[in-house]
Protein backbone atom coordinates (compact mmCIF):
# COMPACT_ATOMS: atom_id res chain seq x y z
CA UNK A 1 18.03 46.67 127.70
CA UNK A 2 17.29 43.03 128.33
CA UNK A 3 13.74 42.54 129.49
CA UNK A 4 11.12 40.41 127.81
CA UNK A 5 8.06 41.98 129.42
CA UNK A 6 5.92 43.81 126.92
CA UNK A 7 3.14 46.25 127.67
CA UNK A 8 -0.32 44.79 128.14
CA UNK A 9 0.67 41.47 129.69
CA UNK A 10 -0.39 40.63 133.22
CA UNK A 11 2.60 40.29 135.51
CA UNK A 12 3.49 38.97 138.92
CA UNK A 13 5.07 41.75 140.97
CA UNK A 14 6.54 41.47 144.45
CA UNK A 15 6.54 44.67 146.51
CA UNK A 16 8.82 44.88 149.54
CA UNK A 17 7.70 47.54 152.02
CA UNK A 18 4.12 47.28 150.78
CA UNK A 19 2.67 48.72 153.98
CA UNK A 20 4.16 52.20 153.52
CA UNK A 21 2.59 55.01 151.53
CA UNK A 22 4.61 54.46 148.37
CA UNK A 23 4.32 50.69 148.72
CA UNK A 24 0.55 50.90 149.05
CA UNK A 25 0.34 53.21 146.04
CA UNK A 26 2.45 50.80 143.99
CA UNK A 27 0.24 47.87 144.98
CA UNK A 28 -2.91 49.81 144.09
CA UNK A 29 -1.53 50.92 140.72
CA UNK A 30 -0.38 47.40 139.87
CA UNK A 31 -3.78 45.93 140.71
CA UNK A 32 -5.55 48.64 138.72
CA UNK A 33 -3.49 47.59 135.69
CA UNK A 34 -4.46 43.96 136.07
CA UNK A 35 -1.25 42.64 137.62
CA UNK A 36 -0.93 40.20 140.51
CA UNK A 37 0.96 41.41 143.56
CA UNK A 38 2.76 39.77 146.45
CA UNK A 39 2.76 42.45 149.16
CA UNK A 40 5.66 41.87 151.57
CA UNK A 41 5.56 43.37 155.07
CA UNK A 42 7.24 42.57 158.37
CA UNK A 43 3.96 42.04 160.25
CA UNK A 44 0.97 41.04 158.10
CA UNK A 45 -1.41 41.43 161.06
CA UNK A 46 -1.01 45.21 160.76
CA UNK A 47 -1.86 45.41 157.07
CA UNK A 48 -4.83 43.11 156.53
CA UNK A 49 -6.55 45.75 154.37
CA UNK A 50 -3.91 45.21 151.69
CA UNK A 51 -5.01 41.66 150.97
CA UNK A 52 -7.37 41.16 148.05
CA UNK A 53 -8.25 39.10 145.01
CA UNK A 54 -5.07 40.10 143.20
CA UNK A 55 -2.91 40.70 146.28
CA UNK A 56 -1.25 38.09 148.46
CA UNK A 57 -0.11 39.58 151.79
CA UNK A 58 2.96 37.82 153.19
CA UNK A 59 5.57 38.19 155.91
CA UNK A 60 9.11 38.72 154.69
CA UNK A 61 12.46 40.38 155.27
CA UNK A 62 14.04 42.34 152.42
CA UNK A 63 17.41 42.23 154.19
CA UNK A 64 17.49 38.41 154.11
CA UNK A 65 18.50 36.94 150.73
CA UNK A 66 16.83 33.62 151.56
CA UNK A 67 13.53 35.39 152.28
CA UNK A 68 13.87 37.49 149.11
CA UNK A 69 14.59 34.44 146.94
CA UNK A 70 11.68 32.48 148.39
CA UNK A 71 9.13 35.27 148.06
CA UNK A 72 10.31 36.51 144.65
CA UNK A 73 10.26 33.12 142.93
CA UNK A 74 7.81 33.11 140.05
CA UNK A 75 7.62 36.90 139.81
CA UNK A 76 8.43 39.10 136.83
CA UNK A 77 9.58 42.18 138.75
CA UNK A 78 10.35 43.42 142.25
CA UNK A 79 9.78 46.82 143.84
CA UNK A 80 11.54 47.91 147.03
CA UNK A 81 9.98 50.84 148.88
CA UNK A 82 11.00 49.64 152.33
CA UNK A 83 12.70 51.73 155.00
CA UNK A 84 13.67 51.34 158.63
CA UNK A 85 14.49 54.20 160.96
CA UNK A 86 15.60 52.09 163.93
CA UNK A 87 18.88 51.04 162.31
CA UNK A 88 21.51 53.09 160.51
CA UNK A 89 20.51 54.19 157.02
CA UNK A 90 23.68 52.94 155.36
CA UNK A 91 23.47 49.56 157.08
CA UNK A 92 19.82 49.06 156.19
CA UNK A 93 19.87 50.10 152.55
CA UNK A 94 23.09 48.28 151.68
CA UNK A 95 21.99 45.10 153.45
CA UNK A 96 18.66 45.21 151.62
CA UNK A 97 20.35 45.91 148.27
CA UNK A 98 22.76 43.02 148.70
CA UNK A 99 19.91 40.68 149.70
CA UNK A 100 17.89 41.77 146.67
CA UNK A 101 20.80 41.24 144.29
CA UNK A 102 21.44 37.77 145.69
CA UNK A 103 17.83 36.72 146.21
CA UNK A 104 16.42 38.01 142.94
CA UNK A 105 19.23 36.39 140.97
CA UNK A 106 18.46 33.07 142.65
CA UNK A 107 14.75 33.52 141.98
CA UNK A 108 15.31 34.46 138.34
CA UNK A 109 13.67 37.90 138.67
CA UNK A 110 15.16 40.24 136.11
CA UNK A 111 13.71 43.67 136.93
CA UNK A 112 14.15 45.60 140.20
CA UNK A 113 12.90 49.08 141.02
CA UNK A 114 14.10 50.59 144.29
CA UNK A 115 13.11 53.92 145.80
CA UNK A 116 15.76 56.61 146.22
CA UNK A 117 15.78 60.03 147.89
CA UNK A 118 15.86 63.48 146.27
CA UNK A 119 18.77 64.78 148.34
CA UNK A 120 21.16 62.54 146.36
CA UNK A 121 20.26 64.21 143.05
CA UNK A 122 22.63 66.72 141.45
CA UNK A 123 21.76 70.41 141.22
CA UNK A 124 24.76 70.92 138.94
CA UNK A 125 27.42 68.53 137.68
CA UNK A 126 29.10 66.87 140.66
CA UNK A 127 27.06 68.76 143.26
CA UNK A 128 24.19 67.04 145.05
CA UNK A 129 21.48 68.60 147.22
CA UNK A 130 23.06 66.88 150.23
CA UNK A 131 26.38 68.62 149.51
CA UNK A 132 25.01 72.13 150.06
CA UNK A 133 26.53 74.20 152.88
CA UNK A 134 24.35 74.04 155.96
CA UNK A 135 22.57 70.86 154.89
CA UNK A 136 21.43 69.19 158.13
CA UNK A 137 23.89 66.52 159.22
CA UNK A 138 21.22 64.01 160.23
CA UNK A 139 19.64 64.27 156.76
CA UNK A 140 23.06 63.87 155.15
CA UNK A 141 23.65 60.69 157.15
CA UNK A 142 20.29 59.29 156.06
CA UNK A 143 20.90 60.30 152.45
CA UNK A 144 24.25 58.54 152.52
CA UNK A 145 22.38 55.25 152.93
CA UNK A 146 20.89 55.64 149.46
CA UNK A 147 24.25 56.74 148.03
CA UNK A 148 25.78 53.53 149.39
CA UNK A 149 22.82 51.50 148.10
CA UNK A 150 23.27 52.89 144.59
CA UNK A 151 27.01 52.19 144.71
CA UNK A 152 26.42 48.61 145.84
CA UNK A 153 23.85 47.95 143.12
CA UNK A 154 26.23 49.40 140.52
CA UNK A 155 29.11 47.25 141.73
CA UNK A 156 27.40 43.97 142.60
CA UNK A 157 24.29 43.51 140.43
CA UNK A 158 25.04 41.16 137.56
CA UNK A 159 23.93 41.61 133.95
CA UNK A 160 20.83 39.52 134.58
CA UNK A 161 19.30 42.10 136.96
CA UNK A 162 17.91 45.16 135.20
CA UNK A 163 17.69 47.55 138.17
CA UNK A 164 16.61 51.16 138.48
CA UNK A 165 16.54 53.63 141.38
CA UNK A 166 13.44 55.83 141.10
CA UNK A 167 13.81 59.12 142.97
CA UNK A 168 10.84 61.31 143.92
CA UNK A 169 11.26 65.05 144.58
CA UNK A 170 11.74 66.36 148.12
CA UNK A 171 8.01 67.01 148.45
CA UNK A 172 6.54 63.51 148.15
CA UNK A 173 3.16 64.55 149.38
CA UNK A 174 0.04 62.60 150.29
CA UNK A 175 -2.00 65.77 149.76
CA UNK A 176 -0.53 66.64 146.35
CA UNK A 177 -2.87 66.72 143.38
CA UNK A 178 -2.85 63.52 141.36
CA UNK A 179 -2.08 64.69 137.84
CA UNK A 180 -1.89 61.39 135.96
CA UNK A 181 1.49 62.38 134.54
CA UNK A 182 5.11 63.06 135.49
CA UNK A 183 8.46 64.22 134.13
CA UNK A 184 11.80 62.47 134.44
CA UNK A 185 15.51 63.26 134.44
CA UNK A 186 18.54 61.05 134.95
CA UNK A 187 20.46 61.90 138.12
CA UNK A 188 19.49 65.57 138.33
CA UNK A 189 16.87 67.67 140.06
CA UNK A 190 13.89 68.50 137.84
CA UNK A 191 13.01 72.17 137.49
CA UNK A 192 9.67 73.22 138.95
CA UNK A 193 7.75 72.82 142.17
CA UNK A 194 9.48 69.57 143.10
CA UNK A 195 6.32 67.88 144.28
CA UNK A 196 4.54 64.64 143.45
CA UNK A 197 1.62 62.60 144.74
CA UNK A 198 2.15 58.99 145.75
CA UNK A 199 -0.21 57.83 143.00
CA UNK A 200 1.79 59.63 140.29
CA UNK A 201 5.03 58.17 141.63
CA UNK A 202 3.43 54.71 141.56
CA UNK A 203 2.44 55.32 137.94
CA UNK A 204 6.08 55.97 137.09
CA UNK A 205 7.13 52.77 138.87
CA UNK A 206 4.61 50.63 137.01
CA UNK A 207 5.41 52.27 133.67
CA UNK A 208 9.06 51.25 134.15
CA UNK A 209 7.98 47.70 134.90
CA UNK A 210 5.68 47.41 131.90
CA UNK A 211 8.03 49.12 129.44
CA UNK A 212 11.54 49.48 130.91
CA UNK A 213 13.14 52.64 129.53
CA UNK A 214 15.91 53.23 132.06
CA UNK A 215 18.46 50.96 133.65
CA UNK A 216 21.18 51.27 136.33
CA UNK A 217 20.65 54.99 136.92
CA UNK A 218 18.91 57.32 139.32
CA UNK A 219 15.67 58.32 137.59
CA UNK A 220 14.28 61.52 139.06
CA UNK A 221 10.48 61.75 138.82
CA UNK A 222 8.39 64.88 139.40
CA UNK A 223 5.23 66.50 138.09
């Protein structure tokens, strides 16, 4: 895996969707580890509490490759936790993925972590949660956005972008106990309660930035 970031070094990390729960957790975890963060949101006036000594709060659009390239320049890694519910899931996630591939390549950023969804994970070979009989159609449509995002990243990201889709369990819970640990699996549901706190998910994200262990796969994360 080509990545020259070694553990212990302070990094510049750009977080798209920094105003959401996972984005905020990722920003907080990065700052706690001594990294510098560019927190990208659509309307900075709504998220003034994010700004701090190690955090620059900026306006940006993850679906615009020019915006991505401009904001990501000079950074070591990018995290995408953004979501929009006012446009179709497939349109949003594929447009964002394409903009990230293009913009990060132009900016010279070599590591991308993007957030997936548990319903796309396999329960047995070739069978995903979203394929189950009776699975709600509106959830399947939303899940398909992440399926299309993963396919686009697989097809269009060049060798210079070391990307990873990190997938929390179905119960990504603000009230869950913060354990300080997590388990992983590649592409499959993890046995157990299927629950994780935002802070533990953020720990997994930052661990994969500091010491990349997985590349170009869906990495399931659960406690």
